[in-house]
Amino acid sequence: MKKILSAALFSCLTISAFSQQDPFFSQSIFNRLNLNPAYAGMDGTINASIIGRDQLNTTLPFTAPELMFNGDINIPCINSGIGLTAASSNLGFETRNELKLSYSYHVKLGNGMLGLGTSVGCYHVALSTGLYFLPNNTVQQETITANTYDVCLAIYYATEQGFYFGLSANDLPQITTSNDPVMASNTPIRNYTLMTGNVNSICSHWDVLEDAYILSNSQYTYAQISLRAQYNKTAWFGLGYRTDQATILMAGFNFYCANGSCVKIGYSHDFYYGDITDHNAINELMVQCVIKQKPKEKPADAATN
């Protein structure tokens, strides 16, 4: 009987393994590369960020840590940008790792820049469980693994004044390979991401930063909005709301170097309400390095004209 129950639970876990989307962080402004590959290189800088997120649930015997790295660089000589995303998450029986390469081609459009991007990536999922055998209740650990391959197409538009808009289609192939037939029959859900934001200068020292993100697939639509106040382009704080009944408190600081490069540190905490108020606490920490690239030098003969 225990063996049957364990097998049934294991089957449920395999069915749900690929129904989940990419990690969606509260500080989504620092996770744009993962959500939209056309963002690669659009800032004209070298960016490298790490976001760590930990969800604590008092009703379950485990936490749910997530860690993501995003890095991108602008290559002005070919009007392009490239990026790398690596992520790892652990939720009880499930461990997931991701690796993704992004490319964006940049085109001048109006007073801004348009990025046309694509990415290719691979997800590796491992599910572990214990099967109990009667009569001596011996335990045999078993791990089921699966790989799924992701291709994304995207557009991203940004202006120097701080407005941006992006649209992407993810998990286009919907292909899964696995050593388990149940897992192999479950393909990723194709999903679409829309993002937009703007920077409004209200006086010489204060800016208001607005951001909105929407993820949608055949099962549900997931949205998040945030509003932050930034002082002197250094300290910032604000609030966000996510449609899974969460209010987000966030704050951060930018440390600038003499050459214009900077290090950004951000923290957010999710406050849940409703039926899960007493059971969840999500903390998120972000560190980003932004290295200013030297402008492309003009030929000597052009400089004299």
C-alpha atoms as a PDB file:
ATOM      1  CA  MET A   1       0.000   0.000   0.000  1.00  0.00           C
ATOM      2  CA  LYS A   2       2.800   2.424   0.893  1.00  0.00           C
ATOM      3  CA  LYS A   3       4.486   1.612  -2.393  1.00  0.00           C
ATOM      4  CA  ILE A   4       1.317   2.451  -4.313  1.00  0.00           C
ATOM      5  CA  LEU A   5       0.843   5.755  -2.467  1.00  0.00           C
ATOM      6  CA  SER A   6       4.475   6.745  -3.008  1.00  0.00           C
ATOM      7  CA  ALA A   7       4.257   5.914  -6.700  1.00  0.00           C
ATOM      8  CA  ALA A   8       1.061   7.958  -7.030  1.00  0.00           C
ATOM      9  CA  LEU A   9       2.687  10.938  -5.326  1.00  0.00           C
ATOM     10  CA  PHE A  10       5.721  10.575  -7.572  1.00  0.00           C
ATOM     11  CA  SER A  11       3.553  10.585 -10.681  1.00  0.00           C
ATOM     12  CA  CYS A  12       1.860  13.805  -9.540  1.00  0.00           C
ATOM     13  CA  LEU A  13       5.246  15.435  -9.077  1.00  0.00           C
ATOM     14  CA  THR A  14       6.380  14.465 -12.559  1.00  0.00           C
ATOM     15  CA  ILE A  15       3.177  15.784 -14.120  1.00  0.00           C
ATOM     16  CA  SER A  16       3.634  19.198 -12.471  1.00  0.00           C
ATOM     17  CA  ALA A  17       7.372  19.492 -13.066  1.00  0.00           C
ATOM     18  CA  PHE A  18       7.136  21.393 -16.359  1.00  0.00           C
ATOM     19  CA  SER A  19       3.885  23.239 -15.688  1.00  0.00           C
ATOM     20  CA  GLN A  20       5.824  25.839 -13.717  1.00  0.00           C
ATOM     21  CA  GLN A  21       7.310  28.867 -15.415  1.00  0.00           C
ATOM     22  CA  ASP A  22      10.802  30.332 -15.239  1.00  0.00           C
ATOM     23  CA  PRO A  23      11.657  31.828 -11.856  1.00  0.00           C
ATOM     24  CA  PHE A  24       9.807  35.128 -11.528  1.00  0.00           C
ATOM     25  CA  PHE A  25      11.550  37.437  -9.099  1.00  0.00           C
ATOM     26  CA  SER A  26      10.065  40.340  -7.172  1.00  0.00           C
ATOM     27  CA  GLN A  27      12.875  42.597  -8.418  1.00  0.00           C
ATOM     28  CA  SER A  28      12.016  41.778 -12.031  1.00  0.00           C
ATOM     29  CA  ILE A  29      13.724  44.928 -13.334  1.00  0.00           C
ATOM     30  CA  PHE A  30      17.035  43.112 -12.736  1.00  0.00           C
ATOM     31  CA  ASN A  31      15.805  39.914 -14.427  1.00  0.00           C
ATOM     32  CA  ARG A  32      14.893  41.319 -17.841  1.00  0.00           C
ATOM     33  CA  LEU A  33      17.497  39.274 -19.726  1.00  0.00           C
ATOM     34  CA  ASN A  34      15.979  35.991 -18.558  1.00  0.00           C
ATOM     35  CA  LEU A  35      12.471  37.103 -19.514  1.00  0.00           C
ATOM     36  CA  ASN A  36      13.422  38.801 -22.789  1.00  0.00           C
ATOM     37  CA  PRO A  37      16.632  37.972 -24.738  1.00  0.00           C
ATOM     38  CA  ALA A  38      16.248  41.096 -26.915  1.00  0.00           C
ATOM     39  CA  TYR A  39      17.333  43.087 -23.826  1.00  0.00           C
ATOM     40  CA  ALA A  40      20.929  41.809 -24.220  1.00  0.00           C
ATOM     41  CA  GLY A  41      23.309  44.737 -24.617  1.00  0.00           C
ATOM     42  CA  MET A  42      20.561  47.354 -24.862  1.00  0.00           C
ATOM     43  CA  ASP A  43      21.909  49.375 -21.924  1.00  0.00           C
ATOM     44  CA  GLY A  44      25.254  49.881 -23.684  1.00  0.00           C
ATOM     45  CA  THR A  45      27.074  48.521 -20.641  1.00  0.00           C
ATOM     46  CA  ILE A  46      28.462  45.252 -19.286  1.00  0.00           C
ATOM     47  CA  ASN A  47      25.951  43.913 -16.761  1.00  0.00           C
ATOM     48  CA  ALA A  48      26.299  41.021 -14.334  1.00  0.00           C
ATOM     49  CA  SER A  49      23.733  40.303 -11.649  1.00  0.00           C
ATOM     50  CA  ILE A  50      22.922  37.614  -9.108  1.00  0.00           C
ATOM     51  CA  ILE A  51      19.479  37.300  -7.527  1.00  0.00           C
ATOM     52  CA  GLY A  52      18.838  34.976  -4.608  1.00  0.00           C
ATOM     53  CA  ARG A  53      15.343  34.170  -3.395  1.00  0.00           C
ATOM     54  CA  ASP A  54      14.237  31.981  -0.497  1.00  0.00           C
ATOM     55  CA  GLN A  55      10.657  31.012   0.276  1.00  0.00           C
ATOM     56  CA  LEU A  56       9.946  29.709   3.762  1.00  0.00           C
ATOM     57  CA  ASN A  57       6.757  27.732   4.393  1.00  0.00           C
ATOM     58  CA  THR A  58       5.929  26.702   7.954  1.00  0.00           C
ATOM     59  CA  THR A  59       3.539  23.990   6.742  1.00  0.00           C
ATOM     60  CA  LEU A  60       6.186  22.146   4.702  1.00  0.00           C
ATOM     61  CA  PRO A  61       9.438  20.502   5.875  1.00  0.00           C
ATOM     62  CA  PHE A  62      11.639  22.349   3.356  1.00  0.00           C
ATOM     63  CA  THR A  63      12.474  25.767   1.933  1.00  0.00           C
ATOM     64  CA  ALA A  64      12.419  26.784  -1.719  1.00  0.00           C
ATOM     65  CA  PRO A  65      15.667  28.585  -2.604  1.00  0.00           C
ATOM     66  CA  GLU A  66      16.215  30.013  -6.081  1.00  0.00           C
ATOM     67  CA  LEU A  67      19.399  31.516  -7.508  1.00  0.00           C
ATOM     68  CA  MET A  68      19.823  33.223 -10.883  1.00  0.00           C
ATOM     69  CA  PHE A  69      22.745  34.809 -12.742  1.00  0.00           C
ATOM     70  CA  ASN A  70      22.282  37.184 -15.677  1.00  0.00           C
ATOM     71  CA  GLY A  71      25.127  38.700 -17.682  1.00  0.00           C
ATOM     72  CA  ASP A  72      25.090  40.654 -20.921  1.00  0.00           C
ATOM     73  CA  ILE A  73      27.397  42.863 -22.963  1.00  0.00           C
ATOM     74  CA  ASN A  74      26.934  45.340 -25.783  1.00  0.00           C
ATOM     75  CA  ILE A  75      28.972  44.770 -28.970  1.00  0.00           C
ATOM     76  CA  PRO A  76      28.665  48.071 -30.866  1.00  0.00           C
ATOM     77  CA  CYS A  77      30.856  47.030 -33.816  1.00  0.00           C
ATOM     78  CA  ILE A  78      28.127  44.615 -34.971  1.00  0.00           C
ATOM     79  CA  ASN A  79      25.141  46.490 -33.468  1.00  0.00           C
ATOM     80  CA  SER A  80      24.426  43.556 -31.194  1.00  0.00           C
ATOM     81  CA  GLY A  81      24.410  42.259 -27.661  1.00  0.00           C
ATOM     82  CA  ILE A  82      24.902  38.812 -26.171  1.00  0.00           C
ATOM     83  CA  GLY A  83      23.840  37.411 -22.812  1.00  0.00           C
ATOM     84  CA  LEU A  84      24.126  34.405 -20.522  1.00  0.00           C
ATOM     85  CA  THR A  85      21.593  33.185 -17.969  1.00  0.00           C
ATOM     86  CA  ALA A  86      22.178  30.425 -15.418  1.00  0.00           C
ATOM     87  CA  ALA A  87      19.702  29.448 -12.719  1.00  0.00           C
ATOM     88  CA  SER A  88      19.169  26.831 -10.036  1.00  0.00           C
ATOM     89  CA  SER A  89      16.136  26.149  -7.856  1.00  0.00           C
ATOM     90  CA  ASN A  90      15.119  23.548  -5.321  1.00  0.00           C
ATOM     91  CA  LEU A  91      11.590  22.787  -4.166  1.00  0.00           C
ATOM     92  CA  GLY A  92      11.380  19.747  -1.953  1.00  0.00           C
ATOM     93  CA  PHE A  93      11.717  16.716  -4.213  1.00  0.00           C
ATOM     94  CA  GLU A  94      12.492  18.791  -7.309  1.00  0.00           C
ATOM     95  CA  THR A  95      15.820  20.289  -8.370  1.00  0.00           C
ATOM     96  CA  ARG A  96      15.972  22.404 -11.529  1.00  0.00           C
ATOM     97  CA  ASN A  97      18.969  23.873 -13.377  1.00  0.00           C
ATOM     98  CA  GLU A  98      18.875  26.197 -16.366  1.00  0.00           C
ATOM     99  CA  LEU A  99      21.426  27.488 -18.867  1.00  0.00           C
ATOM    100  CA  LYS A 100      20.501  29.919 -21.636  1.00  0.00           C
ATOM    101  CA  LEU A 101      22.341  31.971 -24.290  1.00  0.00           C
ATOM    102  CA  SER A 102      20.791  35.166 -25.678  1.00  0.00           C
ATOM    103  CA  TYR A 103      21.427  37.333 -28.731  1.00  0.00           C
ATOM    104  CA  SER A 104      19.964  40.701 -29.715  1.00  0.00           C
ATOM    105  CA  TYR A 105      20.392  42.756 -32.882  1.00  0.00           C
ATOM    106  CA  HIS A 106      20.005  46.517 -32.326  1.00  0.00           C
ATOM    107  CA  VAL A 107      18.322  48.934 -34.716  1.00  0.00           C
ATOM    108  CA  LYS A 108      17.979  52.690 -34.235  1.00  0.00           C
ATOM    109  CA  LEU A 109      14.271  53.575 -34.193  1.00  0.00           C
ATOM    110  CA  GLY A 110      13.032  57.107 -33.507  1.00  0.00           C
ATOM    111  CA  ASN A 111      14.560  58.453 -30.303  1.00  0.00           C
ATOM    112  CA  GLY A 112      15.285  54.957 -29.010  1.00  0.00           C
ATOM    113  CA  MET A 113      16.748  51.574 -29.870  1.00  0.00           C
ATOM    114  CA  LEU A 114      14.909  48.433 -30.966  1.00  0.00           C
ATOM    115  CA  GLY A 115      16.301  45.012 -30.090  1.00  0.00           C
ATOM    116  CA  LEU A 116      15.359  41.875 -32.042  1.00  0.00           C
ATOM    117  CA  GLY A 117      16.371  38.906 -29.955  1.00  0.00           C
ATOM    118  CA  THR A 118      16.398  35.160 -29.590  1.00  0.00           C
ATOM    119  CA  SER A 119      17.685  32.686 -27.029  1.00  0.00           C
ATOM    120  CA  VAL A 120      18.348  28.965 -26.804  1.00  0.00           C
ATOM    121  CA  GLY A 121      18.531  27.108 -23.544  1.00  0.00           C
ATOM    122  CA  CYS A 122      18.229  23.833 -21.698  1.00  0.00           C
ATOM    123  CA  TYR A 123      16.492  22.925 -18.427  1.00  0.00           C
ATOM    124  CA  HIS A 124      17.479  19.891 -16.391  1.00  0.00           C
ATOM    125  CA  VAL A 125      14.978  18.625 -13.813  1.00  0.00           C
ATOM    126  CA  ALA A 126      15.600  15.888 -11.237  1.00  0.00           C
ATOM    127  CA  LEU A 127      12.865  14.409  -9.020  1.00  0.00           C
ATOM    128  CA  SER A 128      13.784  12.270  -6.016  1.00  0.00           C
ATOM    129  CA  THR A 129      11.536  10.128  -3.820  1.00  0.00           C
ATOM    130  CA  GLY A 130      11.555   7.144  -1.489  1.00  0.00           C
ATOM    131  CA  LEU A 131       9.636   3.958  -2.348  1.00  0.00           C
ATOM    132  CA  TYR A 132       8.593   1.930   0.711  1.00  0.00           C
ATOM    133  CA  PHE A 133       8.369  -1.818   0.371  1.00  0.00           C
ATOM    134  CA  LEU A 134       6.527  -4.119   2.734  1.00  0.00           C
ATOM    135  CA  PRO A 135       6.944  -6.047   4.986  1.00  0.00           C
ATOM    136  CA  ASN A 136      10.259  -4.653   6.266  1.00  0.00           C
ATOM    137  CA  ASN A 137       9.718  -1.016   5.111  1.00  0.00           C
ATOM    138  CA  THR A 138      13.053  -0.846   3.323  1.00  0.00           C
ATOM    139  CA  VAL A 139      13.594   2.357   1.360  1.00  0.00           C
ATOM    140  CA  GLN A 140      14.944   2.610  -2.139  1.00  0.00           C
ATOM    141  CA  GLN A 141      15.830   6.097  -3.363  1.00  0.00           C
ATOM    142  CA  GLU A 142      15.030   6.739  -7.003  1.00  0.00           C
ATOM    143  CA  THR A 143      15.698   9.793  -9.175  1.00  0.00           C
ATOM    144  CA  ILE A 144      13.904  10.629 -12.382  1.00  0.00           C
ATOM    145  CA  THR A 145      15.557  13.167 -14.677  1.00  0.00           C
ATOM    146  CA  ALA A 146      14.344  15.118 -17.665  1.00  0.00           C
ATOM    147  CA  ASN A 147      15.679  17.722 -20.082  1.00  0.00           C
ATOM    148  CA  THR A 148      13.663  20.282 -21.960  1.00  0.00           C
ATOM    149  CA  TYR A 149      14.904  22.700 -24.587  1.00  0.00           C
ATOM    150  CA  ASP A 150      13.827  26.312 -24.825  1.00  0.00           C
ATOM    151  CA  VAL A 151      13.820  28.673 -27.794  1.00  0.00           C
ATOM    152  CA  CYS A 152      12.583  32.229 -27.350  1.00  0.00           C
ATOM    153  CA  LEU A 153      11.825  35.043 -29.797  1.00  0.00           C
ATOM    154  CA  ALA A 154      11.517  38.609 -28.533  1.00  0.00           C
ATOM    155  CA  ILE A 155      11.501  42.331 -29.234  1.00  0.00           C
ATOM    156  CA  TYR A 156      12.613  45.080 -26.857  1.00  0.00           C
ATOM    157  CA  TYR A 157      12.464  48.857 -27.294  1.00  0.00           C
ATOM    158  CA  ALA A 158      14.077  51.449 -25.010  1.00  0.00           C
ATOM    159  CA  THR A 159      14.722  55.188 -25.061  1.00  0.00           C
ATOM    160  CA  GLU A 160      17.427  57.243 -23.367  1.00  0.00           C
ATOM    161  CA  GLN A 161      14.717  58.917 -21.267  1.00  0.00           C
ATOM    162  CA  GLY A 162      14.009  55.636 -19.455  1.00  0.00           C
ATOM    163  CA  PHE A 163      10.977  54.177 -21.236  1.00  0.00           C
ATOM    164  CA  TYR A 164      11.100  50.507 -22.248  1.00  0.00           C
ATOM    165  CA  PHE A 165       8.738  47.928 -23.716  1.00  0.00           C
ATOM    166  CA  GLY A 166       9.314  44.245 -24.404  1.00  0.00           C
ATOM    167  CA  LEU A 167       7.394  41.248 -25.705  1.00  0.00           C
ATOM    168  CA  SER A 168       8.642  37.662 -25.828  1.00  0.00           C
ATOM    169  CA  ALA A 169       7.410  34.152 -26.641  1.00  0.00           C
ATOM    170  CA  ASN A 170       9.088  31.394 -24.617  1.00  0.00           C
ATOM    171  CA  ASP A 171       9.283  27.576 -24.724  1.00  0.00           C
ATOM    172  CA  LEU A 172       8.491  27.476 -28.437  1.00  0.00           C
ATOM    173  CA  PRO A 173       9.693  23.884 -29.227  1.00  0.00           C
ATOM    174  CA  GLN A 174       7.838  22.193 -26.302  1.00  0.00           C
ATOM    175  CA  ILE A 175      10.236  19.231 -26.366  1.00  0.00           C
ATOM    176  CA  THR A 176      11.077  16.991 -23.388  1.00  0.00           C
ATOM    177  CA  THR A 177      13.426  14.009 -23.112  1.00  0.00           C
ATOM    178  CA  SER A 178      13.393  11.805 -20.007  1.00  0.00           C
ATOM    179  CA  ASN A 179      14.238   8.398 -18.598  1.00  0.00           C
ATOM    180  CA  ASP A 180      10.625   8.154 -17.391  1.00  0.00           C
ATOM    181  CA  PRO A 181       7.626   7.873 -19.780  1.00  0.00           C
ATOM    182  CA  VAL A 182       5.377   9.956 -17.518  1.00  0.00           C
ATOM    183  CA  MET A 183       7.885  12.792 -17.412  1.00  0.00           C
ATOM    184  CA  ALA A 184       8.615  12.539 -21.134  1.00  0.00           C
ATOM    185  CA  SER A 185       4.931  12.965 -21.961  1.00  0.00           C
ATOM    186  CA  ASN A 186       4.767  16.323 -20.154  1.00  0.00           C
ATOM    187  CA  THR A 187       6.089  19.185 -22.265  1.00  0.00           C
ATOM    188  CA  PRO A 188       6.718  22.794 -21.178  1.00  0.00           C
ATOM    189  CA  ILE A 189       3.861  25.236 -21.508  1.00  0.00           C
ATOM    190  CA  ARG A 190       4.400  27.894 -24.153  1.00  0.00           C
ATOM    191  CA  ASN A 191       4.134  31.296 -22.490  1.00  0.00           C
ATOM    192  CA  TYR A 192       4.321  34.965 -23.370  1.00  0.00           C
ATOM    193  CA  THR A 193       5.830  37.852 -21.422  1.00  0.00           C
ATOM    194  CA  LEU A 194       5.058  41.548 -21.716  1.00  0.00           C
ATOM    195  CA  MET A 195       7.117  44.118 -19.841  1.00  0.00           C
ATOM    196  CA  THR A 196       7.076  47.891 -19.754  1.00  0.00           C
ATOM    197  CA  GLY A 197       8.376  50.695 -17.576  1.00  0.00           C
ATOM    198  CA  ASN A 198       9.305  54.331 -17.440  1.00  0.00           C
ATOM    199  CA  VAL A 199      11.417  56.821 -15.462  1.00  0.00           C
ATOM    200  CA  ASN A 200       9.699  60.094 -14.519  1.00  0.00           C
ATOM    201  CA  SER A 201      11.851  62.935 -13.214  1.00  0.00           C
ATOM    202  CA  ILE A 202       9.807  64.979 -10.728  1.00  0.00           C
ATOM    203  CA  CYS A 203      12.595  67.340  -9.628  1.00  0.00           C
ATOM    204  CA  SER A 204      16.384  67.710  -9.774  1.00  0.00           C
ATOM    205  CA  HIS A 205      17.009  64.962  -7.184  1.00  0.00           C
ATOM    206  CA  TRP A 206      13.953  62.675  -7.286  1.00  0.00           C
ATOM    207  CA  ASP A 207      12.786  60.190  -9.934  1.00  0.00           C
ATOM    208  CA  VAL A 208       9.782  57.860  -9.974  1.00  0.00           C
ATOM    209  CA  LEU A 209      10.401  54.441 -11.551  1.00  0.00           C
ATOM    210  CA  GLU A 210       7.402  52.497 -12.878  1.00  0.00           C
ATOM    211  CA  ASP A 211       7.561  48.841 -13.952  1.00  0.00           C
ATOM    212  CA  ALA A 212       4.954  46.274 -15.016  1.00  0.00           C
ATOM    213  CA  TYR A 213       5.297  42.628 -16.082  1.00  0.00           C
ATOM    214  CA  ILE A 214       2.688  40.173 -17.367  1.00  0.00           C
ATOM    215  CA  LEU A 215       3.265  36.446 -17.975  1.00  0.00           C
ATOM    216  CA  SER A 216       0.517  34.487 -19.704  1.00  0.00           C
ATOM    217  CA  ASN A 217      -0.011  30.917 -20.878  1.00  0.00           C
ATOM    218  CA  SER A 218      -2.887  28.518 -21.490  1.00  0.00           C
ATOM    219  CA  GLN A 219      -3.371  27.920 -17.755  1.00  0.00           C
ATOM    220  CA  TYR A 220      -3.148  31.330 -16.096  1.00  0.00           C
ATOM    221  CA  THR A 221      -2.048  34.957 -16.355  1.00  0.00           C
ATOM    222  CA  TYR A 222       0.417  36.342 -13.845  1.00  0.00           C
ATOM    223  CA  ALA A 223       1.103  40.070 -13.378  1.00  0.00           C
ATOM    224  CA  GLN A 224       3.296  42.307 -11.237  1.00  0.00           C
ATOM    225  CA  ILE A 225       3.535  46.095 -10.957  1.00  0.00           C
ATOM    226  CA  SER A 226       5.950  48.191  -8.922  1.00  0.00           C
ATOM    227  CA  LEU A 227       6.489  51.852  -8.116  1.00  0.00           C
ATOM    228  CA  ARG A 228       9.824  53.088  -6.746  1.00  0.00           C
ATOM    229  CA  ALA A 229      11.159  56.480  -5.673  1.00  0.00           C
ATOM    230  CA  GLN A 230      14.834  57.138  -6.386  1.00  0.00           C
ATOM    231  CA  TYR A 231      16.898  59.878  -4.771  1.00  0.00           C
ATOM    232  CA  ASN A 232      19.836  61.379  -6.651  1.00  0.00           C
ATOM    233  CA  LYS A 233      20.116  58.136  -8.699  1.00  0.00           C
ATOM    234  CA  THR A 234      21.538  56.385  -5.628  1.00  0.00           C
ATOM    235  CA  ALA A 235      19.033  55.242  -2.987  1.00  0.00           C
ATOM    236  CA  TRP A 236      15.637  53.864  -3.977  1.00  0.00           C
ATOM    237  CA  PHE A 237      12.627  52.330  -2.229  1.00  0.00           C
ATOM    238  CA  GLY A 238       9.116  51.360  -3.225  1.00  0.00           C
ATOM    239  CA  LEU A 239       6.175  48.977  -3.268  1.00  0.00           C
ATOM    240  CA  GLY A 240       4.954  46.300  -5.643  1.00  0.00           C
ATOM    241  CA  TYR A 241       1.890  44.134  -6.099  1.00  0.00           C
ATOM    242  CA  ARG A 242       1.689  40.645  -7.587  1.00  0.00           C
ATOM    243  CA  THR A 243      -1.513  38.849  -8.548  1.00  0.00           C
ATOM    244  CA  ASP A 244      -0.736  35.797  -6.399  1.00  0.00           C
ATOM    245  CA  GLN A 245      -1.895  37.909  -3.420  1.00  0.00           C
ATOM    246  CA  ALA A 246       1.448  39.445  -2.514  1.00  0.00           C
ATOM    247  CA  THR A 247       2.528  42.970  -1.654  1.00  0.00           C
ATOM    248  CA  ILE A 248       6.241  43.641  -2.121  1.00  0.00           C
ATOM    249  CA  LEU A 249       8.425  45.996  -0.107  1.00  0.00           C
ATOM    250  CA  MET A 250      11.732  46.815  -1.820  1.00  0.00           C
ATOM    251  CA  ALA A 251      14.745  49.054  -1.310  1.00  0.00           C
ATOM    252  CA  GLY A 252      18.246  49.411  -2.710  1.00  0.00           C
ATOM    253  CA  PHE A 253      21.358  51.500  -3.168  1.00  0.00           C
ATOM    254  CA  ASN A 254      23.693  52.274  -6.088  1.00  0.00           C
ATOM    255  CA  PHE A 255      27.425  52.724  -5.433  1.00  0.00           C
ATOM    256  CA  TYR A 256      29.041  54.714  -8.264  1.00  0.00           C
ATOM    257  CA  CYS A 257      32.673  54.720  -9.354  1.00  0.00           C
ATOM    258  CA  ALA A 258      34.560  57.632 -10.881  1.00  0.00           C
ATOM    259  CA  ASN A 259      34.247  56.242 -14.438  1.00  0.00           C
ATOM    260  CA  GLY A 260      30.450  55.903 -14.215  1.00  0.00           C
ATOM    261  CA  SER A 261      30.366  52.182 -13.418  1.00  0.00           C
ATOM    262  CA  CYS A 262      28.383  51.135 -10.365  1.00  0.00           C
ATOM    263  CA  VAL A 263      27.363  48.331  -8.040  1.00  0.00           C
ATOM    264  CA  LYS A 264      23.675  47.977  -7.229  1.00  0.00           C
ATOM    265  CA  ILE A 265      22.339  46.189  -4.160  1.00  0.00           C
ATOM    266  CA  GLY A 266      18.632  45.541  -3.714  1.00  0.00           C
ATOM    267  CA  TYR A 267      16.431  43.751  -1.189  1.00  0.00           C
ATOM    268  CA  SER A 268      12.744  42.848  -1.266  1.00  0.00           C
ATOM    269  CA  HIS A 269      10.302  41.104   1.045  1.00  0.00           C
ATOM    270  CA  ASP A 270       6.946  39.667  -0.032  1.00  0.00           C
ATOM    271  CA  PHE A 271       3.963  40.077   2.288  1.00  0.00           C
ATOM    272  CA  TYR A 272       1.239  37.547   1.497  1.00  0.00           C
ATOM    273  CA  TYR A 273      -2.376  37.909   2.500  1.00  0.00           C
ATOM    274  CA  GLY A 274      -5.341  35.555   2.275  1.00  0.00           C
ATOM    275  CA  ASP A 275      -5.256  31.887   3.292  1.00  0.00           C
ATOM    276  CA  ILE A 276      -1.433  31.575   3.215  1.00  0.00           C
ATOM    277  CA  THR A 277      -0.572  34.686   5.228  1.00  0.00           C
ATOM    278  CA  ASP A 278       0.893  32.795   8.191  1.00  0.00           C
ATOM    279  CA  HIS A 279       2.788  30.235   6.162  1.00  0.00           C
ATOM    280  CA  ASN A 280       4.978  32.066   3.659  1.00  0.00           C
ATOM    281  CA  ALA A 281       7.819  34.566   3.840  1.00  0.00           C
ATOM    282  CA  ILE A 282       9.870  35.385   0.768  1.00  0.00           C
ATOM    283  CA  ASN A 283      13.142  37.298   0.965  1.00  0.00           C
ATOM    284  CA  GLU A 284      15.127  38.316  -2.089  1.00  0.00           C
ATOM    285  CA  LEU A 285      18.613  39.793  -2.404  1.00  0.00           C
ATOM    286  CA  MET A 286      20.112  41.203  -5.599  1.00  0.00           C
ATOM    287  CA  VAL A 287      23.635  42.344  -6.460  1.00  0.00           C
ATOM    288  CA  GLN A 288      24.430  43.823  -9.870  1.00  0.00           C
ATOM    289  CA  CYS A 289      27.666  45.158 -11.349  1.00  0.00           C
ATOM    290  CA  VAL A 290      27.317  47.653 -14.196  1.00  0.00           C
ATOM    291  CA  ILE A 291      30.544  48.417 -16.082  1.00  0.00           C
ATOM    292  CA  LYS A 292      30.485  51.406 -18.376  1.00  0.00           C
ATOM    293  CA  GLN A 293      31.897  50.620 -21.800  1.00  0.00           C
ATOM    294  CA  LYS A 294      34.193  53.001 -23.626  1.00  0.00           C
ATOM    295  CA  PRO A 295      32.517  54.699 -26.603  1.00  0.00           C
ATOM    296  CA  LYS A 296      33.567  53.519 -30.013  1.00  0.00           C
ATOM    297  CA  GLU A 297      36.534  55.595 -31.173  1.00  0.00           C
ATOM    298  CA  LYS A 298      36.205  57.433 -34.462  1.00  0.00           C
ATOM    299  CA  PRO A 299      38.902  57.102 -37.143  1.00  0.00           C
ATOM    300  CA  ALA A 300      41.482  59.868 -37.085  1.00  0.00           C
ATOM    301  CA  ASP A 301      40.404  61.253 -40.473  1.00  0.00           C
ATOM    302  CA  ALA A 302      36.759  61.362 -39.411  1.00  0.00           C
ATOM    303  CA  ALA A 303      37.588  63.205 -36.207  1.00  0.00           C
ATOM    304  CA  THR A 304      39.142  66.085 -38.137  1.00  0.00           C
ATOM    305  CA  ASN A 305      36.097  66.599 -40.369  1.00  0.00           C
END
